[in-house]
Amino acid sequence: MTVTTSERGHAPPLEEPADEDLSLLLSVRAFELKLLELFGQGMLNGTTHTCLGQEYIPVALRPLLRPDDHVFSNHRGHGHYLARFEDYEGLLAEIMGRRGAVCGGVGGSQHIRRDRFLSTGVQGESLPVACGVALHLRRAEPGALACVHIGDGTFGEGAVYEALNLAALWRLPLLVVVENNGIAQTTPVSANMAGTVAGRAAAFGIDHVRTDSVDLGVIRRLLAPRIERVREGRPLVVEFATHRLGPHSKGDDTRPAEVVERARAADWYGRYAARCPERFARLDARARAHIDEVARDVAGREPS
């Protein structure tokens, strides 16, 4: 079964978010912008893949997930980690290789492990692992689920289909969150995917829901009852039609200017700013100041 919601074409006003939700959204945005700033200053090595434009997805899911759920993230996973733990210091220290790093500085931007959270930069790796964890949860911890984040480009990996097959056969408590930003690194989805995400879920008899809303309240009401069914052993594919504001990593954005402009026009940031301007400005300034302070502190620490 596929359920689709859409706000395109009329873009209804967003519901006013709670301070907690808006602060988290703005803090993740400020964190990602700070990373790009630090890279520009030569203070970070390697690469990083920001979730600019997609921050609302893990924030929307946050109250729908429980501490005993497992979350599997991907290469664009800072927002997933921060929505789970709000550990800005530990993540930045990990990326900068400083004291206090969540994984001792050996994981960097993409490979993070903490409690029931795991991220990886290997495309498609998390889904079969999440299936194994979901099988364990079904047997040993009924009611808990495994949530795994993937992108549209990950559907080029055969492991995805093997995992979906097992999830359906074994009725696993598996929640697959597809962050479909329309481009796999530099290749538009129209050039690399025949058919649809919904069609792929349907091939295995797995429920599918798609939304292009950025409204936290709308998303939560849509998903809450369906995620409860996942806990009962009914796997689900949730597809977010979203936008990547920045480049694939630090600077390799090959998209036409009009495509980038459409992404910026649909961004949650400007829409929430228009919805509650005074509160937004206050919380945004506070979030940026906090991340600035975190960056100064972490940058001054000794190597991990």
C-alpha atoms as a PDB file:
ATOM      1  CA  MET A   1       0.000   0.000   0.000  1.00  0.00           C
ATOM      2  CA  THR A   2       1.281   3.454  -0.907  1.00  0.00           C
ATOM      3  CA  VAL A   3       0.084   6.641   0.766  1.00  0.00           C
ATOM      4  CA  THR A   4       1.173   9.989  -0.665  1.00  0.00           C
ATOM      5  CA  THR A   5       0.856  13.461   0.791  1.00  0.00           C
ATOM      6  CA  SER A   6       1.792  16.616  -1.044  1.00  0.00           C
ATOM      7  CA  GLU A   7       1.909  20.301  -0.313  1.00  0.00           C
ATOM      8  CA  ARG A   8       3.430  21.371  -3.605  1.00  0.00           C
ATOM      9  CA  GLY A   9       1.499  23.800  -5.695  1.00  0.00           C
ATOM     10  CA  HIS A  10      -0.169  25.514  -2.759  1.00  0.00           C
ATOM     11  CA  ALA A  11       2.316  25.239   0.157  1.00  0.00           C
ATOM     12  CA  PRO A  12      -0.081  25.748   3.098  1.00  0.00           C
ATOM     13  CA  PRO A  13       1.160  27.750   6.090  1.00  0.00           C
ATOM     14  CA  LEU A  14       3.268  25.722   8.454  1.00  0.00           C
ATOM     15  CA  GLU A  15       2.082  24.978  11.963  1.00  0.00           C
ATOM     16  CA  GLU A  16       3.999  26.884  14.624  1.00  0.00           C
ATOM     17  CA  PRO A  17       6.586  24.514  16.056  1.00  0.00           C
ATOM     18  CA  ALA A  18       7.365  24.173  19.735  1.00  0.00           C
ATOM     19  CA  ASP A  19      10.462  26.004  20.942  1.00  0.00           C
ATOM     20  CA  GLU A  20      12.206  22.667  21.501  1.00  0.00           C
ATOM     21  CA  ASP A  21      11.662  21.584  17.902  1.00  0.00           C
ATOM     22  CA  LEU A  22      12.571  24.916  16.361  1.00  0.00           C
ATOM     23  CA  SER A  23      15.695  25.227  18.525  1.00  0.00           C
ATOM     24  CA  LEU A  24      16.840  21.772  17.447  1.00  0.00           C
ATOM     25  CA  LEU A  25      16.221  22.530  13.777  1.00  0.00           C
ATOM     26  CA  LEU A  26      18.169  25.764  14.003  1.00  0.00           C
ATOM     27  CA  SER A  27      21.003  24.212  15.999  1.00  0.00           C
ATOM     28  CA  VAL A  28      21.524  21.477  13.399  1.00  0.00           C
ATOM     29  CA  ARG A  29      21.487  24.111  10.636  1.00  0.00           C
ATOM     30  CA  ALA A  30      24.012  26.229  12.544  1.00  0.00           C
ATOM     31  CA  PHE A  31      26.222  23.179  13.135  1.00  0.00           C
ATOM     32  CA  GLU A  32      26.332  22.266   9.458  1.00  0.00           C
ATOM     33  CA  LEU A  33      27.062  25.837   8.401  1.00  0.00           C
ATOM     34  CA  LYS A  34      29.850  25.993  10.977  1.00  0.00           C
ATOM     35  CA  LEU A  35      31.404  22.837   9.522  1.00  0.00           C
ATOM     36  CA  LEU A  36      31.560  24.430   6.078  1.00  0.00           C
ATOM     37  CA  GLU A  37      33.048  27.561   7.610  1.00  0.00           C
ATOM     38  CA  LEU A  38      35.731  25.545   9.409  1.00  0.00           C
ATOM     39  CA  PHE A  39      36.567  23.659   6.208  1.00  0.00           C
ATOM     40  CA  GLY A  40      36.893  26.978   4.403  1.00  0.00           C
ATOM     41  CA  GLN A  41      39.343  28.140   7.076  1.00  0.00           C
ATOM     42  CA  GLY A  42      41.437  24.992   6.683  1.00  0.00           C
ATOM     43  CA  MET A  43      40.648  23.798  10.208  1.00  0.00           C
ATOM     44  CA  LEU A  44      39.177  20.446   9.117  1.00  0.00           C
ATOM     45  CA  ASN A  45      40.618  17.657   7.005  1.00  0.00           C
ATOM     46  CA  GLY A  46      38.986  15.050   4.790  1.00  0.00           C
ATOM     47  CA  THR A  47      35.446  15.635   3.634  1.00  0.00           C
ATOM     48  CA  THR A  48      31.962  16.087   5.020  1.00  0.00           C
ATOM     49  CA  HIS A  49      28.427  15.715   3.729  1.00  0.00           C
ATOM     50  CA  THR A  50      26.026  18.166   5.338  1.00  0.00           C
ATOM     51  CA  CYS A  51      22.295  17.658   5.718  1.00  0.00           C
ATOM     52  CA  LEU A  52      21.462  21.282   4.867  1.00  0.00           C
ATOM     53  CA  GLY A  53      17.816  21.350   3.769  1.00  0.00           C
ATOM     54  CA  GLN A  54      17.065  17.915   5.236  1.00  0.00           C
ATOM     55  CA  GLU A  55      17.376  18.709   8.959  1.00  0.00           C
ATOM     56  CA  TYR A  56      13.619  18.528   9.521  1.00  0.00           C
ATOM     57  CA  ILE A  57      13.493  14.785   8.776  1.00  0.00           C
ATOM     58  CA  PRO A  58      15.279  13.470  11.896  1.00  0.00           C
ATOM     59  CA  VAL A  59      13.708  16.237  13.979  1.00  0.00           C
ATOM     60  CA  ALA A  60      10.231  15.157  12.855  1.00  0.00           C
ATOM     61  CA  LEU A  61      11.048  11.517  13.613  1.00  0.00           C
ATOM     62  CA  ARG A  62      12.579  12.210  17.020  1.00  0.00           C
ATOM     63  CA  PRO A  63       9.453  11.856  19.216  1.00  0.00           C
ATOM     64  CA  LEU A  64       8.272   8.857  17.175  1.00  0.00           C
ATOM     65  CA  LEU A  65      11.381   6.857  18.064  1.00  0.00           C
ATOM     66  CA  ARG A  66      12.159   5.394  21.481  1.00  0.00           C
ATOM     67  CA  PRO A  67      15.453   5.038  23.354  1.00  0.00           C
ATOM     68  CA  ASP A  68      15.351   1.270  22.805  1.00  0.00           C
ATOM     69  CA  ASP A  69      15.047   1.681  19.024  1.00  0.00           C
ATOM     70  CA  HIS A  70      18.164   1.352  16.877  1.00  0.00           C
ATOM     71  CA  VAL A  71      18.997   4.105  14.377  1.00  0.00           C
ATOM     72  CA  PHE A  72      21.245   3.429  11.385  1.00  0.00           C
ATOM     73  CA  SER A  73      22.521   6.473   9.553  1.00  0.00           C
ATOM     74  CA  ASN A  74      24.486   7.164   6.388  1.00  0.00           C
ATOM     75  CA  HIS A  75      27.170   9.480   5.043  1.00  0.00           C
ATOM     76  CA  ARG A  76      24.850  12.510   5.405  1.00  0.00           C
ATOM     77  CA  GLY A  77      24.081  11.736   9.018  1.00  0.00           C
ATOM     78  CA  HIS A  78      25.010  14.634  11.301  1.00  0.00           C
ATOM     79  CA  GLY A  79      21.367  15.602  11.742  1.00  0.00           C
ATOM     80  CA  HIS A  80      20.413  12.025  12.588  1.00  0.00           C
ATOM     81  CA  TYR A  81      23.027  11.930  15.350  1.00  0.00           C
ATOM     82  CA  LEU A  82      22.234  15.386  16.711  1.00  0.00           C
ATOM     83  CA  ALA A  83      18.483  14.771  16.775  1.00  0.00           C
ATOM     84  CA  ARG A  84      19.173  11.596  18.740  1.00  0.00           C
ATOM     85  CA  PHE A  85      21.694  12.940  21.265  1.00  0.00           C
ATOM     86  CA  GLU A  86      22.043  16.754  20.887  1.00  0.00           C
ATOM     87  CA  ASP A  87      25.753  16.167  21.393  1.00  0.00           C
ATOM     88  CA  TYR A  88      27.254  19.029  19.389  1.00  0.00           C
ATOM     89  CA  GLU A  89      30.539  18.990  21.292  1.00  0.00           C
ATOM     90  CA  GLY A  90      31.143  15.264  20.876  1.00  0.00           C
ATOM     91  CA  LEU A  91      30.357  15.259  17.164  1.00  0.00           C
ATOM     92  CA  LEU A  92      32.440  18.308  16.346  1.00  0.00           C
ATOM     93  CA  ALA A  93      35.328  16.921  18.409  1.00  0.00           C
ATOM     94  CA  GLU A  94      35.023  13.678  16.435  1.00  0.00           C
ATOM     95  CA  ILE A  95      35.162  15.509  13.107  1.00  0.00           C
ATOM     96  CA  MET A  96      38.062  17.716  14.266  1.00  0.00           C
ATOM     97  CA  GLY A  97      39.925  14.883  16.014  1.00  0.00           C
ATOM     98  CA  ARG A  98      39.910  16.599  19.393  1.00  0.00           C
ATOM     99  CA  ARG A  99      39.556  15.480  23.006  1.00  0.00           C
ATOM    100  CA  GLY A 100      35.988  14.497  23.841  1.00  0.00           C
ATOM    101  CA  ALA A 101      35.333  12.956  20.416  1.00  0.00           C
ATOM    102  CA  VAL A 102      32.404  10.543  20.538  1.00  0.00           C
ATOM    103  CA  CYS A 103      34.451   7.793  18.852  1.00  0.00           C
ATOM    104  CA  GLY A 104      37.909   8.900  19.908  1.00  0.00           C
ATOM    105  CA  GLY A 105      38.478  10.710  16.625  1.00  0.00           C
ATOM    106  CA  VAL A 106      38.732   7.556  14.504  1.00  0.00           C
ATOM    107  CA  GLY A 107      35.256   7.739  12.930  1.00  0.00           C
ATOM    108  CA  GLY A 108      35.304  11.265  11.571  1.00  0.00           C
ATOM    109  CA  SER A 109      32.266  12.727   9.846  1.00  0.00           C
ATOM    110  CA  GLN A 110      30.688   9.537   8.535  1.00  0.00           C
ATOM    111  CA  HIS A 111      31.397   6.605  10.862  1.00  0.00           C
ATOM    112  CA  ILE A 112      29.833   7.132  14.279  1.00  0.00           C
ATOM    113  CA  ARG A 113      28.832   4.550  16.866  1.00  0.00           C
ATOM    114  CA  ARG A 114      27.129   5.389  20.131  1.00  0.00           C
ATOM    115  CA  ASP A 115      24.672   3.280  22.108  1.00  0.00           C
ATOM    116  CA  ARG A 116      22.027   2.186  19.579  1.00  0.00           C
ATOM    117  CA  PHE A 117      23.191   4.535  16.832  1.00  0.00           C
ATOM    118  CA  LEU A 118      25.484   3.642  13.940  1.00  0.00           C
ATOM    119  CA  SER A 119      26.415   5.600  10.815  1.00  0.00           C
ATOM    120  CA  THR A 120      28.463   4.540   7.809  1.00  0.00           C
ATOM    121  CA  GLY A 121      29.703   6.019   4.569  1.00  0.00           C
ATOM    122  CA  VAL A 122      29.251   2.742   2.682  1.00  0.00           C
ATOM    123  CA  GLN A 123      26.176   2.883   0.458  1.00  0.00           C
ATOM    124  CA  GLY A 124      23.608   0.212   1.297  1.00  0.00           C
ATOM    125  CA  GLU A 125      25.629  -1.297   4.151  1.00  0.00           C
ATOM    126  CA  SER A 126      23.194  -0.384   6.913  1.00  0.00           C
ATOM    127  CA  LEU A 127      20.071  -2.041   5.531  1.00  0.00           C
ATOM    128  CA  PRO A 128      21.115  -5.700   5.868  1.00  0.00           C
ATOM    129  CA  VAL A 129      22.686  -4.917   9.250  1.00  0.00           C
ATOM    130  CA  ALA A 130      19.454  -3.237  10.346  1.00  0.00           C
ATOM    131  CA  CYS A 131      17.546  -6.341   9.235  1.00  0.00           C
ATOM    132  CA  GLY A 132      19.681  -8.491  11.494  1.00  0.00           C
ATOM    133  CA  VAL A 133      19.112  -6.126  14.397  1.00  0.00           C
ATOM    134  CA  ALA A 134      15.377  -6.016  13.659  1.00  0.00           C
ATOM    135  CA  LEU A 135      15.268  -9.819  13.737  1.00  0.00           C
ATOM    136  CA  HIS A 136      16.941  -9.757  17.154  1.00  0.00           C
ATOM    137  CA  LEU A 137      14.499  -7.110  18.380  1.00  0.00           C
ATOM    138  CA  ARG A 138      11.511  -9.124  17.187  1.00  0.00           C
ATOM    139  CA  ARG A 139      12.733 -12.114  19.187  1.00  0.00           C
ATOM    140  CA  ALA A 140      14.249 -10.476  22.264  1.00  0.00           C
ATOM    141  CA  GLU A 141      12.773  -6.974  22.590  1.00  0.00           C
ATOM    142  CA  PRO A 142       9.243  -6.917  21.161  1.00  0.00           C
ATOM    143  CA  GLY A 143       8.041  -3.412  20.406  1.00  0.00           C
ATOM    144  CA  ALA A 144      11.437  -1.959  19.558  1.00  0.00           C
ATOM    145  CA  LEU A 145      12.352  -1.237  15.937  1.00  0.00           C
ATOM    146  CA  ALA A 146      15.329  -0.603  13.681  1.00  0.00           C
ATOM    147  CA  CYS A 147      15.205   2.676  11.747  1.00  0.00           C
ATOM    148  CA  VAL A 148      17.572   3.001   8.805  1.00  0.00           C
ATOM    149  CA  HIS A 149      18.173   6.151   6.747  1.00  0.00           C
ATOM    150  CA  ILE A 150      19.131   5.814   3.084  1.00  0.00           C
ATOM    151  CA  GLY A 151      19.134   8.082   0.048  1.00  0.00           C
ATOM    152  CA  ASP A 152      17.607   7.661  -3.389  1.00  0.00           C
ATOM    153  CA  GLY A 153      21.007   6.736  -4.833  1.00  0.00           C
ATOM    154  CA  THR A 154      21.288   3.758  -2.482  1.00  0.00           C
ATOM    155  CA  PHE A 155      18.660   1.915  -4.530  1.00  0.00           C
ATOM    156  CA  GLY A 156      21.493   1.096  -6.921  1.00  0.00           C
ATOM    157  CA  GLU A 157      22.829  -1.379  -4.350  1.00  0.00           C
ATOM    158  CA  GLY A 158      21.698  -5.007  -4.454  1.00  0.00           C
ATOM    159  CA  ALA A 159      21.899  -5.297  -0.663  1.00  0.00           C
ATOM    160  CA  VAL A 160      18.891  -2.978  -0.448  1.00  0.00           C
ATOM    161  CA  TYR A 161      16.672  -5.472  -2.239  1.00  0.00           C
ATOM    162  CA  GLU A 162      17.966  -8.449  -0.289  1.00  0.00           C
ATOM    163  CA  ALA A 163      17.182  -6.575   2.929  1.00  0.00           C
ATOM    164  CA  LEU A 164      13.675  -5.586   1.822  1.00  0.00           C
ATOM    165  CA  ASN A 165      12.987  -9.185   0.832  1.00  0.00           C
ATOM    166  CA  LEU A 166      14.007 -10.489   4.250  1.00  0.00           C
ATOM    167  CA  ALA A 167      12.131  -7.726   6.069  1.00  0.00           C
ATOM    168  CA  ALA A 168       8.915  -8.706   4.298  1.00  0.00           C
ATOM    169  CA  LEU A 169       9.404 -12.478   4.618  1.00  0.00           C
ATOM    170  CA  TRP A 170      10.273 -12.349   8.303  1.00  0.00           C
ATOM    171  CA  ARG A 171       7.886  -9.489   9.207  1.00  0.00           C
ATOM    172  CA  LEU A 172      10.649  -7.462  10.760  1.00  0.00           C
ATOM    173  CA  PRO A 173      10.149  -4.247  12.742  1.00  0.00           C
ATOM    174  CA  LEU A 174      12.121  -2.280  10.152  1.00  0.00           C
ATOM    175  CA  LEU A 175      11.531   1.381   9.307  1.00  0.00           C
ATOM    176  CA  VAL A 176      13.294   2.454   6.098  1.00  0.00           C
ATOM    177  CA  VAL A 177      13.557   6.240   5.783  1.00  0.00           C
ATOM    178  CA  VAL A 178      14.370   7.288   2.221  1.00  0.00           C
ATOM    179  CA  GLU A 179      15.649  10.852   1.990  1.00  0.00           C
ATOM    180  CA  ASN A 180      15.018  11.396  -1.711  1.00  0.00           C
ATOM    181  CA  ASN A 181      16.714  14.670  -2.568  1.00  0.00           C
ATOM    182  CA  GLY A 182      16.538  13.991  -6.285  1.00  0.00           C
ATOM    183  CA  ILE A 183      20.237  13.595  -6.944  1.00  0.00           C
ATOM    184  CA  ALA A 184      22.777  10.843  -6.276  1.00  0.00           C
ATOM    185  CA  GLN A 185      26.016  12.781  -5.763  1.00  0.00           C
ATOM    186  CA  THR A 186      25.931  14.508  -9.180  1.00  0.00           C
ATOM    187  CA  THR A 187      23.465  12.328 -11.098  1.00  0.00           C
ATOM    188  CA  PRO A 188      19.764  13.311 -11.122  1.00  0.00           C
ATOM    189  CA  VAL A 189      17.398  10.579  -9.989  1.00  0.00           C
ATOM    190  CA  SER A 190      15.693  10.697 -13.396  1.00  0.00           C
ATOM    191  CA  ALA A 191      18.951   9.477 -14.953  1.00  0.00           C
ATOM    192  CA  ASN A 192      19.717   6.670 -12.518  1.00  0.00           C
ATOM    193  CA  MET A 193      16.412   5.178 -11.338  1.00  0.00           C
ATOM    194  CA  ALA A 194      13.819   3.481 -13.507  1.00  0.00           C
ATOM    195  CA  GLY A 195      10.462   3.266 -11.790  1.00  0.00           C
ATOM    196  CA  THR A 196       9.839   4.620  -8.299  1.00  0.00           C
ATOM    197  CA  VAL A 197      10.636   4.005  -4.661  1.00  0.00           C
ATOM    198  CA  ALA A 198       6.964   3.136  -4.161  1.00  0.00           C
ATOM    199  CA  GLY A 199       7.189   0.491  -6.881  1.00  0.00           C
ATOM    200  CA  ARG A 200      10.195  -1.070  -5.244  1.00  0.00           C
ATOM    201  CA  ALA A 201       8.430  -1.315  -1.888  1.00  0.00           C
ATOM    202  CA  ALA A 202       5.329  -2.734  -3.557  1.00  0.00           C
ATOM    203  CA  ALA A 203       7.385  -5.472  -5.221  1.00  0.00           C
ATOM    204  CA  PHE A 204       8.039  -6.904  -1.765  1.00  0.00           C
ATOM    205  CA  GLY A 205       4.565  -6.213  -0.391  1.00  0.00           C
ATOM    206  CA  ILE A 206       5.917  -3.522   1.939  1.00  0.00           C
ATOM    207  CA  ASP A 207       3.849  -0.482   2.849  1.00  0.00           C
ATOM    208  CA  HIS A 208       5.098   2.839   1.492  1.00  0.00           C
ATOM    209  CA  VAL A 209       4.268   6.417   2.398  1.00  0.00           C
ATOM    210  CA  ARG A 210       5.604   9.494   0.613  1.00  0.00           C
ATOM    211  CA  THR A 211       5.520  13.101   1.690  1.00  0.00           C
ATOM    212  CA  ASP A 212       7.041  16.361   0.525  1.00  0.00           C
ATOM    213  CA  SER A 213       5.876  18.305   3.577  1.00  0.00           C
ATOM    214  CA  VAL A 214       8.419  20.048   5.805  1.00  0.00           C
ATOM    215  CA  ASP A 215       5.821  20.666   8.511  1.00  0.00           C
ATOM    216  CA  LEU A 216       6.821  18.743  11.655  1.00  0.00           C
ATOM    217  CA  GLY A 217       3.234  18.393  12.867  1.00  0.00           C
ATOM    218  CA  VAL A 218       1.927  17.140   9.536  1.00  0.00           C
ATOM    219  CA  ILE A 219       4.740  14.611   9.228  1.00  0.00           C
ATOM    220  CA  ARG A 220       4.293  13.284  12.766  1.00  0.00           C
ATOM    221  CA  ARG A 221       0.546  12.810  12.418  1.00  0.00           C
ATOM    222  CA  LEU A 222       1.093  11.023   9.119  1.00  0.00           C
ATOM    223  CA  LEU A 223       3.732   8.651  10.463  1.00  0.00           C
ATOM    224  CA  ALA A 224       2.812   8.034  14.107  1.00  0.00           C
ATOM    225  CA  PRO A 225       0.189   5.309  13.559  1.00  0.00           C
ATOM    226  CA  ARG A 226       2.213   3.677  10.787  1.00  0.00           C
ATOM    227  CA  ILE A 227       5.352   3.501  12.918  1.00  0.00           C
ATOM    228  CA  GLU A 228       3.345   1.812  15.652  1.00  0.00           C
ATOM    229  CA  ARG A 229       2.466  -0.879  13.093  1.00  0.00           C
ATOM    230  CA  VAL A 230       6.167  -1.273  12.315  1.00  0.00           C
ATOM    231  CA  ARG A 231       6.678  -2.177  15.967  1.00  0.00           C
ATOM    232  CA  GLU A 232       4.215  -5.019  15.455  1.00  0.00           C
ATOM    233  CA  GLY A 233       6.275  -6.496  12.610  1.00  0.00           C
ATOM    234  CA  ARG A 234       4.972  -4.616   9.579  1.00  0.00           C
ATOM    235  CA  PRO A 235       7.960  -3.066   7.774  1.00  0.00           C
ATOM    236  CA  LEU A 236       7.510   0.361   6.234  1.00  0.00           C
ATOM    237  CA  VAL A 237       9.287   2.498   3.651  1.00  0.00           C
ATOM    238  CA  VAL A 238       8.866   6.227   4.298  1.00  0.00           C
ATOM    239  CA  GLU A 239       9.943   8.417   1.398  1.00  0.00           C
ATOM    240  CA  PHE A 240      10.679  12.071   2.040  1.00  0.00           C
ATOM    241  CA  ALA A 241      10.737  14.107  -1.172  1.00  0.00           C
ATOM    242  CA  THR A 242      13.294  16.591   0.071  1.00  0.00           C
ATOM    243  CA  HIS A 243      16.013  18.958  -1.122  1.00  0.00           C
ATOM    244  CA  ARG A 244      19.762  19.136  -0.695  1.00  0.00           C
ATOM    245  CA  LEU A 245      20.696  22.790  -0.346  1.00  0.00           C
ATOM    246  CA  GLY A 246      24.435  22.438  -0.646  1.00  0.00           C
ATOM    247  CA  PRO A 247      26.819  20.326  -2.691  1.00  0.00           C
ATOM    248  CA  HIS A 248      27.241  16.578  -2.336  1.00  0.00           C
ATOM    249  CA  SER A 249      30.201  17.182  -0.059  1.00  0.00           C
ATOM    250  CA  LYS A 250      32.221  20.379   0.401  1.00  0.00           C
ATOM    251  CA  GLY A 251      32.180  21.895  -3.050  1.00  0.00           C
ATOM    252  CA  ASP A 252      31.152  19.637  -5.898  1.00  0.00           C
ATOM    253  CA  ASP A 253      27.724  21.024  -6.778  1.00  0.00           C
ATOM    254  CA  THR A 254      27.117  20.563 -10.495  1.00  0.00           C
ATOM    255  CA  ARG A 255      23.380  21.309 -10.490  1.00  0.00           C
ATOM    256  CA  PRO A 256      21.956  24.086 -12.660  1.00  0.00           C
ATOM    257  CA  ALA A 257      21.313  27.353 -10.825  1.00  0.00           C
ATOM    258  CA  GLU A 258      17.544  27.027 -11.239  1.00  0.00           C
ATOM    259  CA  VAL A 259      17.546  23.643  -9.504  1.00  0.00           C
ATOM    260  CA  VAL A 260      19.454  25.037  -6.525  1.00  0.00           C
ATOM    261  CA  GLU A 261      17.085  28.011  -6.418  1.00  0.00           C
ATOM    262  CA  ARG A 262      14.039  25.716  -6.282  1.00  0.00           C
ATOM    263  CA  ALA A 263      15.621  23.866  -3.389  1.00  0.00           C
ATOM    264  CA  ARG A 264      16.182  27.101  -1.497  1.00  0.00           C
ATOM    265  CA  ALA A 265      12.610  28.239  -2.154  1.00  0.00           C
ATOM    266  CA  ALA A 266      11.269  25.022  -0.632  1.00  0.00           C
ATOM    267  CA  ASP A 267      13.597  25.126   2.383  1.00  0.00           C
ATOM    268  CA  TRP A 268      12.007  24.889   5.826  1.00  0.00           C
ATOM    269  CA  TYR A 269      14.243  27.670   7.138  1.00  0.00           C
ATOM    270  CA  GLY A 270      12.633  30.557   5.275  1.00  0.00           C
ATOM    271  CA  ARG A 271       9.142  29.198   5.713  1.00  0.00           C
ATOM    272  CA  TYR A 272       9.430  28.856   9.476  1.00  0.00           C
ATOM    273  CA  ALA A 273      11.067  32.303   9.622  1.00  0.00           C
ATOM    274  CA  ALA A 274       7.986  33.738   7.930  1.00  0.00           C
ATOM    275  CA  ARG A 275       5.629  31.783  10.188  1.00  0.00           C
ATOM    276  CA  CYS A 276       6.957  33.097  13.519  1.00  0.00           C
ATOM    277  CA  PRO A 277       9.525  35.821  12.714  1.00  0.00           C
ATOM    278  CA  GLU A 278      10.302  37.203  16.163  1.00  0.00           C
ATOM    279  CA  ARG A 279      10.580  33.855  17.908  1.00  0.00           C
ATOM    280  CA  PHE A 280      12.510  32.431  14.964  1.00  0.00           C
ATOM    281  CA  ALA A 281      15.057  35.272  15.011  1.00  0.00           C
ATOM    282  CA  ARG A 282      15.578  34.917  18.761  1.00  0.00           C
ATOM    283  CA  LEU A 283      16.060  31.154  18.680  1.00  0.00           C
ATOM    284  CA  ASP A 284      18.215  31.343  15.547  1.00  0.00           C
ATOM    285  CA  ALA A 285      20.571  33.841  17.149  1.00  0.00           C
ATOM    286  CA  ARG A 286      20.778  31.683  20.262  1.00  0.00           C
ATOM    287  CA  ALA A 287      21.527  28.542  18.227  1.00  0.00           C
ATOM    288  CA  ARG A 288      24.268  30.249  16.224  1.00  0.00           C
ATOM    289  CA  ALA A 289      25.849  31.683  19.365  1.00  0.00           C
ATOM    290  CA  HIS A 290      25.823  28.265  20.992  1.00  0.00           C
ATOM    291  CA  ILE A 291      27.487  26.580  18.014  1.00  0.00           C
ATOM    292  CA  ASP A 292      30.072  29.379  17.807  1.00  0.00           C
ATOM    293  CA  GLU A 293      30.911  28.738  21.462  1.00  0.00           C
ATOM    294  CA  VAL A 294      31.112  24.976  20.865  1.00  0.00           C
ATOM    295  CA  ALA A 295      33.476  25.522  17.920  1.00  0.00           C
ATOM    296  CA  ARG A 296      35.768  27.809  19.924  1.00  0.00           C
ATOM    297  CA  ASP A 297      35.896  25.311  22.771  1.00  0.00           C
ATOM    298  CA  VAL A 298      36.524  22.242  20.625  1.00  0.00           C
ATOM    299  CA  ALA A 299      39.099  23.955  18.406  1.00  0.00           C
ATOM    300  CA  GLY A 300      41.108  24.814  21.512  1.00  0.00           C
ATOM    301  CA  ARG A 301      41.302  21.224  22.768  1.00  0.00           C
ATOM    302  CA  GLU A 302      44.271  18.939  22.323  1.00  0.00           C
ATOM    303  CA  PRO A 303      44.108  16.166  19.704  1.00  0.00           C
ATOM    304  CA  SER A 304      42.189  13.043  20.688  1.00  0.00           C
END
